[in-house]
Protein backbone atom coordinates (compact mmCIF):
# COMPACT_ATOMS: atom_id res chain seq x y z
CA UNK A 1 120.40 129.08 120.59
CA UNK A 2 123.52 128.34 122.62
CA UNK A 3 126.71 127.68 120.69
CA UNK A 4 128.98 127.25 123.70
CA UNK A 5 129.72 123.78 125.06
CA UNK A 6 127.45 122.38 127.82
CA UNK A 7 128.76 120.80 131.02
CA UNK A 8 128.73 117.31 129.47
CA UNK A 9 130.97 118.60 126.69
CA UNK A 10 128.34 118.71 123.94
CA UNK A 11 127.39 121.29 121.34
CA UNK A 12 123.83 120.17 120.67
CA UNK A 13 124.16 116.48 119.74
CA UNK A 14 127.90 116.68 118.97
CA UNK A 15 130.93 116.42 121.24
CA UNK A 16 131.41 114.43 124.44
CA UNK A 17 134.29 112.21 125.47
CA UNK A 18 134.20 108.73 123.94
CA UNK A 19 137.49 107.37 125.16
CA UNK A 20 139.13 104.11 126.29
CA UNK A 21 138.94 103.56 130.05
CA UNK A 22 142.72 103.90 130.28
CA UNK A 23 142.51 107.51 129.09
CA UNK A 24 139.72 108.51 131.45
CA UNK A 25 142.00 109.78 134.28
CA UNK A 26 143.99 112.00 131.86
CA UNK A 27 140.92 113.56 130.29
CA UNK A 28 139.14 113.92 133.65
CA UNK A 29 142.17 115.69 135.15
CA UNK A 30 142.11 118.18 132.29
CA UNK A 31 138.32 118.63 132.43
CA UNK A 32 138.37 119.25 136.19
CA UNK A 33 141.13 121.86 136.01
CA UNK A 34 141.26 123.63 132.64
CA UNK A 35 138.67 126.36 133.27
CA UNK A 36 140.02 127.29 136.67
CA UNK A 37 143.59 127.42 135.34
CA UNK A 38 142.92 129.39 132.13
CA UNK A 39 140.73 131.91 133.95
CA UNK A 40 143.29 132.46 136.73
CA UNK A 41 145.20 135.75 136.91
CA UNK A 42 148.56 133.92 136.74
CA UNK A 43 147.67 132.09 133.53
CA UNK A 44 146.15 135.14 131.83
CA UNK A 45 149.15 137.31 132.66
CA UNK A 46 151.68 134.80 131.27
CA UNK A 47 149.50 133.93 128.24
CA UNK A 48 148.87 137.56 127.23
CA UNK A 49 152.52 138.51 127.74
CA UNK A 50 153.70 135.67 125.50
CA UNK A 51 151.08 136.44 122.84
CA UNK A 52 152.30 140.04 122.76
CA UNK A 53 156.08 139.68 123.04
CA UNK A 54 156.70 136.20 121.64
CA UNK A 55 153.91 135.53 119.13
CA UNK A 56 153.64 139.14 117.95
CA UNK A 57 149.96 139.87 118.62
CA UNK A 58 147.75 141.65 117.87
CA UNK A 59 147.91 140.54 114.24
CA UNK A 60 146.87 143.26 111.77
CA UNK A 61 143.43 143.50 110.20
CA UNK A 62 144.40 144.51 106.70
CA UNK A 63 142.07 146.15 104.18
CA UNK A 64 142.80 144.34 100.91
CA UNK A 65 142.18 147.21 98.48
CA UNK A 66 142.81 145.49 95.16
CA UNK A 67 141.02 142.28 96.19
CA UNK A 68 138.07 144.41 97.37
CA UNK A 69 137.95 146.23 94.02
CA UNK A 70 137.92 142.94 92.16
CA UNK A 71 134.93 141.59 94.14
CA UNK A 72 133.10 144.90 94.52
CA UNK A 73 132.96 144.89 98.32
CA UNK A 74 135.13 145.55 101.40
CA UNK A 75 137.46 142.67 102.19
CA UNK A 76 139.66 142.63 105.28
CA UNK A 77 142.29 139.97 105.96
CA UNK A 78 142.97 138.92 109.55
CA UNK A 79 146.71 138.36 109.26
CA UNK A 80 147.29 135.21 111.35
CA UNK A 81 150.06 134.42 108.84
CA UNK A 82 152.15 137.11 110.56
CA UNK A 83 152.29 135.22 113.87
CA UNK A 84 155.59 133.70 115.00
CA UNK A 85 155.78 130.22 113.31
CA UNK A 86 153.57 131.42 110.43
CA UNK A 87 150.03 130.48 111.43
CA UNK A 88 147.27 130.68 114.04
CA UNK A 89 148.41 127.41 115.64
CA UNK A 90 150.78 129.09 118.12
CA UNK A 91 147.88 130.91 119.88
CA UNK A 92 146.77 127.48 121.08
CA UNK A 93 150.17 125.89 121.82
CA UNK A 94 151.30 128.84 123.96
CA UNK A 95 148.15 128.47 126.08
CA UNK A 96 148.27 124.69 126.35
CA UNK A 97 151.97 124.55 127.27
CA UNK A 98 151.32 126.90 130.23
CA UNK A 99 148.38 124.65 131.19
CA UNK A 100 150.53 121.49 130.91
CA UNK A 101 153.19 123.09 133.09
CA UNK A 102 150.59 124.01 135.74
CA UNK A 103 149.33 120.39 135.68
CA UNK A 104 152.90 119.23 136.43
CA UNK A 105 153.49 117.43 133.09
CA UNK A 106 157.02 116.89 131.78
CA UNK A 107 156.52 115.45 128.30
CA UNK A 108 154.41 116.77 125.42
CA UNK A 109 152.99 114.78 122.52
CA UNK A 110 151.18 116.20 119.50
CA UNK A 111 149.85 115.26 116.10
CA UNK A 112 150.30 117.33 112.95
CA UNK A 113 149.17 117.32 109.31
CA UNK A 114 150.57 120.35 107.53
CA UNK A 115 153.28 120.53 110.17
CA UNK A 116 152.20 123.98 111.42
CA UNK A 117 150.84 122.63 114.71
CA UNK A 118 153.93 120.42 115.05
CA UNK A 119 156.19 123.42 114.58
CA UNK A 120 154.11 125.51 116.99
CA UNK A 121 154.27 122.72 119.59
CA UNK A 122 158.02 122.13 119.14
CA UNK A 123 158.50 125.91 119.44
CA UNK A 124 156.77 126.24 122.82
CA UNK A 125 158.45 123.05 124.09
CA UNK A 126 161.84 124.60 123.30
CA UNK A 127 160.70 127.79 125.03
CA UNK A 128 159.55 125.92 128.16
CA UNK A 129 162.27 123.21 128.14
CA UNK A 130 159.84 120.29 127.69
CA UNK A 131 160.41 116.97 125.92
CA UNK A 132 158.45 116.93 122.66
CA UNK A 133 157.28 114.06 120.42
CA UNK A 134 155.29 114.92 117.27
CA UNK A 135 153.40 112.27 115.31
CA UNK A 136 153.06 112.94 111.60
CA UNK A 137 151.81 110.82 108.72
CA UNK A 138 154.53 109.45 106.46
CA UNK A 139 152.86 111.09 103.43
CA UNK A 140 152.78 114.47 105.17
CA UNK A 141 156.43 114.14 106.25
CA UNK A 142 157.33 113.99 102.55
CA UNK A 143 155.09 116.84 101.39
CA UNK A 144 155.91 119.17 104.30
CA UNK A 145 159.69 118.63 104.54
CA UNK A 146 160.60 122.22 105.60
CA UNK A 147 158.29 121.95 108.63
CA UNK A 148 159.79 118.57 109.57
CA UNK A 149 163.25 120.18 109.49
CA UNK A 150 162.00 123.03 111.68
CA UNK A 151 160.59 120.63 114.29
CA UNK A 152 163.85 118.70 114.43
CA UNK A 153 165.88 121.90 114.72
CA UNK A 154 163.63 122.92 117.62
CA UNK A 155 164.52 119.68 119.40
CA UNK A 156 161.36 117.64 118.76
CA UNK A 157 161.34 113.98 117.82
CA UNK A 158 159.17 113.46 114.72
CA UNK A 159 157.63 109.97 114.64
CA UNK A 160 156.08 108.80 111.35
CA UNK A 161 152.59 107.26 111.27
CA UNK A 162 152.79 104.38 108.79
CA UNK A 163 149.23 103.01 108.91
CA UNK A 164 146.10 103.86 106.88
CA UNK A 165 146.47 106.84 104.57
CA UNK A 166 149.61 107.87 106.52
CA UNK A 167 148.19 111.37 107.08
CA UNK A 168 146.67 113.40 109.94
CA UNK A 169 144.04 110.85 111.04
CA UNK A 170 146.73 108.19 111.47
CA UNK A 171 149.09 110.57 113.27
CA UNK A 172 146.26 111.30 115.72
CA UNK A 173 145.70 107.57 116.30
CA UNK A 174 149.40 107.13 117.12
CA UNK A 175 149.41 110.09 119.52
CA UNK A 176 146.39 108.68 121.38
CA UNK A 177 148.17 105.29 121.68
CA UNK A 178 151.23 107.02 123.14
CA UNK A 179 149.04 108.86 125.66
CA UNK A 180 147.42 105.60 126.80
CA UNK A 181 150.90 104.15 127.40
CA UNK A 182 152.26 107.22 129.23
CA UNK A 183 149.39 108.64 131.27
CA UNK A 184 151.31 110.03 134.24
CA UNK A 185 153.87 112.49 132.91
CA UNK A 186 152.55 113.15 129.39
CA UNK A 187 150.28 115.93 128.15
CA UNK A 188 148.58 115.54 124.75
CA UNK A 189 148.64 118.95 123.08
CA UNK A 190 145.84 118.69 120.51
CA UNK A 191 146.08 121.10 117.59
CA UNK A 192 142.46 121.67 116.64
CA UNK A 193 138.89 121.84 117.99
CA UNK A 194 138.68 118.04 117.85
CA UNK A 195 139.12 115.15 120.27
CA UNK A 196 137.35 114.37 123.53
CA UNK A 197 135.88 117.11 125.73
CA UNK A 198 137.35 119.44 126.99
CA UNK A 199 139.75 119.83 124.03
CA UNK A 200 137.32 121.37 121.49
CA UNK A 201 136.27 123.99 124.06
CA UNK A 202 139.80 124.59 125.34
CA UNK A 203 141.24 125.12 121.86
CA UNK A 204 138.32 127.35 120.81
CA UNK A 205 138.83 129.54 123.90
CA UNK A 206 142.56 129.89 123.20
CA UNK A 207 141.93 130.73 119.52
CA UNK A 208 139.14 133.19 120.45
CA UNK A 209 141.86 135.86 120.65
CA UNK A 210 141.39 136.13 116.84
CA UNK A 211 137.77 137.35 117.02
CA UNK A 212 138.44 139.34 120.20
CA UNK A 213 140.98 141.45 118.29
CA UNK A 214 138.81 141.51 115.17
CA UNK A 215 136.03 143.35 117.06
CA UNK A 216 138.07 146.35 118.17
CA UNK A 217 140.04 146.42 114.92
CA UNK A 218 136.81 146.56 112.86
CA UNK A 219 135.45 149.30 115.13
CA UNK A 220 138.64 151.27 114.53
CA UNK A 221 138.52 150.80 110.75
CA UNK A 222 134.79 150.78 109.92
CA UNK A 223 133.04 152.32 112.94
CA UNK A 224 131.31 149.03 113.79
CA UNK A 225 132.72 145.95 115.48
CA UNK A 226 130.30 143.71 113.59
CA UNK A 227 131.22 142.45 110.08
CA UNK A 228 128.65 141.12 107.60
CA UNK A 229 130.53 137.89 106.89
CA UNK A 230 133.53 136.01 108.28
CA UNK A 231 135.18 133.40 106.06
CA UNK A 232 137.57 130.72 107.35
CA UNK A 233 138.80 127.33 106.15
CA UNK A 234 137.83 124.22 108.11
CA UNK A 235 139.70 120.94 108.51
CA UNK A 236 139.32 120.24 112.20
CA UNK A 237 138.48 123.91 112.39
CA UNK A 238 140.47 125.76 115.06
CA UNK A 239 141.17 128.91 113.04
CA UNK A 240 137.48 129.09 112.11
CA UNK A 241 136.41 128.51 115.73
CA UNK A 242 138.69 131.37 116.81
CA UNK A 243 137.46 133.71 114.07
CA UNK A 244 133.79 132.91 114.75
CA UNK A 245 133.93 132.69 118.58
CA UNK A 246 132.84 136.18 119.64
CA UNK A 247 130.19 136.34 116.91
CA UNK A 248 128.55 132.93 117.46
CA UNK A 249 125.46 134.42 119.11
CA UNK A 250 125.12 137.36 116.71
CA UNK A 251 122.89 136.14 113.88
CA UNK A 252 123.63 139.32 111.87
CA UNK A 253 127.11 137.95 111.14
CA UNK A 254 127.20 135.21 108.50
CA UNK A 255 129.78 132.59 109.44
CA UNK A 256 131.19 130.92 106.32
CA UNK A 257 133.26 127.75 106.71
CA UNK A 258 135.12 126.40 103.67
CA UNK A 259 136.09 122.73 103.48
CA UNK A 260 138.48 121.07 101.05
CA UNK A 261 136.60 119.50 98.12
CA UNK A 262 139.86 117.97 96.84
CA UNK A 263 139.28 116.75 93.30
CA UNK A 264 135.52 117.31 93.68
CA UNK A 265 132.98 116.33 96.33
CA UNK A 266 131.80 113.31 94.28
CA UNK A 267 135.27 112.26 93.13
CA UNK A 268 136.08 109.93 96.02
CA UNK A 269 139.09 112.19 96.65
CA UNK A 270 137.77 114.87 98.97
CA UNK A 271 137.70 116.11 102.55
CA UNK A 272 134.31 117.90 102.35
CA UNK A 273 132.89 116.32 105.49
CA UNK A 274 129.60 118.22 105.75
CA UNK A 275 128.71 117.39 102.13
CA UNK A 276 129.27 113.64 102.26
CA UNK A 277 129.69 112.87 105.97
CA UNK A 278 127.31 111.57 108.63
CA UNK A 279 127.30 111.50 112.46
CA UNK A 280 129.79 109.14 114.08
CA UNK A 281 132.65 109.00 116.54
CA UNK A 282 136.24 109.89 115.68
CA UNK A 283 139.16 110.57 118.03
CA UNK A 284 136.99 110.70 121.12
CA UNK A 285 134.05 112.87 120.08
CA UNK A 286 130.74 112.50 118.28
CA UNK A 287 130.75 114.66 115.19
CA UNK A 288 130.28 114.55 111.43
CA UNK A 289 132.76 112.36 109.60
CA UNK A 290 133.35 110.63 106.32
CA UNK A 291 132.53 106.92 106.65
CA UNK A 292 131.28 103.97 104.62
CA UNK A 293 128.03 102.04 105.21
CA UNK A 294 129.80 99.90 107.83
CA UNK A 295 130.96 102.94 109.83
CA UNK A 296 134.58 102.58 108.69
CA UNK A 297 136.27 105.97 108.26
CA UNK A 298 136.96 106.70 104.61
CA UNK A 299 140.25 108.27 103.57
CA UNK A 300 140.15 112.02 103.06
CA UNK A 301 142.09 113.82 100.34
CA UNK A 302 143.15 117.43 99.87
CA UNK A 303 146.14 119.10 98.25
CA UNK A 304 146.44 120.93 101.56
CA UNK A 305 147.79 118.72 104.35
CA UNK A 306 146.08 120.77 107.08
CA UNK A 307 142.57 120.15 105.68
CA UNK A 308 143.17 116.48 104.91
CA UNK A 309 141.02 115.20 107.81
CA UNK A 310 137.92 112.97 107.62
CA UNK A 311 135.88 114.87 110.23
CA UNK A 312 135.22 118.33 111.62
CA UNK A 313 135.19 119.60 115.19
CA UNK A 314 131.89 119.13 117.07
CA UNK A 315 131.30 122.89 117.29
CA UNK A 316 131.34 123.08 113.47
CA UNK A 317 129.10 120.01 113.17
CA UNK A 318 126.63 121.87 115.41
CA UNK A 319 126.93 125.10 113.37
CA UNK A 320 126.22 123.05 110.23
CA UNK A 321 123.28 121.11 111.72
CA UNK A 322 121.60 124.25 113.09
CA UNK A 323 122.30 126.25 109.88
CA UNK A 324 124.12 128.89 111.96
CA UNK A 325 127.15 128.35 109.72
CA UNK A 326 127.21 128.39 105.92
CA UNK A 327 129.39 125.51 104.73
CA UNK A 328 131.01 125.69 101.32
CA UNK A 329 133.82 123.72 99.73
CA UNK A 330 136.66 124.55 97.36
CA UNK A 331 138.53 122.16 95.07
CA UNK A 332 142.31 121.94 94.86
CA UNK A 333 142.22 123.98 91.66
CA UNK A 334 139.98 126.69 93.14
CA UNK A 335 142.29 127.00 96.15
CA UNK A 336 145.39 127.20 93.95
CA UNK A 337 143.76 129.88 91.78
CA UNK A 338 142.76 131.86 94.89
CA UNK A 339 146.33 131.65 96.24
CA UNK A 340 147.71 132.98 92.95
CA UNK A 341 145.12 135.76 92.88
CA UNK A 342 145.94 137.00 96.40
CA UNK A 343 149.66 136.86 95.68
CA UNK A 344 149.34 138.87 92.48
CA UNK A 345 146.82 141.41 93.81
CA UNK A 346 148.11 141.98 97.34
CA UNK A 347 151.67 140.64 97.49
CA UNK A 348 150.71 138.05 100.14
CA UNK A 349 151.40 134.34 99.57
CA UNK A 350 148.83 132.40 101.62
CA UNK A 351 149.02 128.88 102.98
CA UNK A 352 147.06 126.39 100.88
CA UNK A 353 144.63 125.98 103.79
CA UNK A 354 143.87 129.73 103.88
CA UNK A 355 143.58 129.74 100.08
CA UNK A 356 140.46 127.57 100.47
CA UNK A 357 138.84 130.39 102.48
CA UNK A 358 139.79 132.91 99.77
CA UNK A 359 138.26 130.57 97.16
CA UNK A 360 134.82 131.29 98.69
CA UNK A 361 134.90 134.93 97.49
CA UNK A 362 133.62 134.21 93.94
CA UNK A 363 130.90 131.90 95.38
CA UNK A 364 129.14 134.26 97.78
CA UNK A 365 126.70 137.11 97.21
CA UNK A 366 128.13 140.45 98.29
CA UNK A 367 126.96 144.05 98.35
CA UNK A 368 129.22 147.08 97.82
CA UNK A 369 128.82 148.20 101.44
CA UNK A 370 129.44 144.74 102.97
CA UNK A 371 132.34 144.23 105.37
CA UNK A 372 133.88 140.80 104.92
CA UNK A 373 136.72 139.37 107.00
CA UNK A 374 138.74 136.47 105.63
CA UNK A 375 140.81 134.73 108.29
CA UNK A 376 144.21 134.34 106.63
CA UNK A 377 145.23 131.50 108.91
CA UNK A 378 148.75 130.83 107.63
CA UNK A 379 151.54 131.87 105.30
CA UNK A 380 152.53 130.03 102.16
CA UNK A 381 156.23 129.31 102.80
CA UNK A 382 155.49 125.70 103.68
CA UNK A 383 153.57 125.22 100.40
CA UNK A 384 156.12 126.73 98.01
CA UNK A 385 157.08 123.28 96.75
CA UNK A 386 153.45 122.64 95.68
CA UNK A 387 153.11 126.13 94.16
CA UNK A 388 156.39 125.65 92.25
CA UNK A 389 155.22 122.33 90.79
CA UNK A 390 151.73 123.56 89.86
CA UNK A 391 152.65 126.96 88.48
CA UNK A 392 155.98 125.85 86.98
CA UNK A 393 158.22 128.34 88.78
């Protein structure tokens, strides 16, 4: 079965570009040019140089000895938290800013939930001397204050989204409105494998550096480039898409995606899309999303701002539908416990998003000789306020 996007922009029945007519020229321009640009020698040279010297790649593949002993198997952490800006997001923004420059754009807009993509976008805009506007939900602005300060220090304008739940979904709506009003000079730098084609494919290709490195690192450490299981958290799902990318067609590798169950999948306060969602259209693509019987999008909830999204990327919807991916969910409490466990056992404070991936470890069947890679997508600095409140530090 093919897990790469087809020429219409679909993964099976999911994907496509369902967009207002006014946006068609923008999206078409990107679709017509992105493959040629990102495969060109010029692009690849600049992209790889920046990943190495600016972002700090390759990120280590770390054997978590004490965590492995606890779960009776071999657990490796792909340390995306060690990237410049503290998460996997910068792999994508570095690539897209070069692309925007080659398309002749002068102004960058972005949406952000946890603020990591906003910071990564503001960072590359400062690097490339581009105007930057980041849309962020009012609720997220309050709960991710350090990242808001970073964006402002980097020269970005942070615009609050005041409608709906005032979180990521609403920030995305505002960014799309801006793009409709400024089609000529503006490039919309999407932060995940969501949105109209070609964004899900573009972002997945830029994040594929994660699994590309994983293969040779595993070979070096275990003698085989193929792990038994890869675990990653999924909101929109770009870190998971990157971690899974080079293993999509290898059925021997179990791909485990972990969504945010919030206060429980049946609590009405959750973001576990595959458990309670159904097919529909959100932000320009057909995918699985949380909606009521009238097709109105229902508000997601998660303690982690980066997973607080009512849909998943179309690639992940396809992995779920075809059973190629195993989809689990973790509650707020399970994620918090997993974060505390990693911190105490390995001296690594994970982002709350990544803690959801770690929370899958007690839920899966493992053998002593298994090789399991957990994609540690971000570091926990931005979530210290939450950890301090919950754990009473």
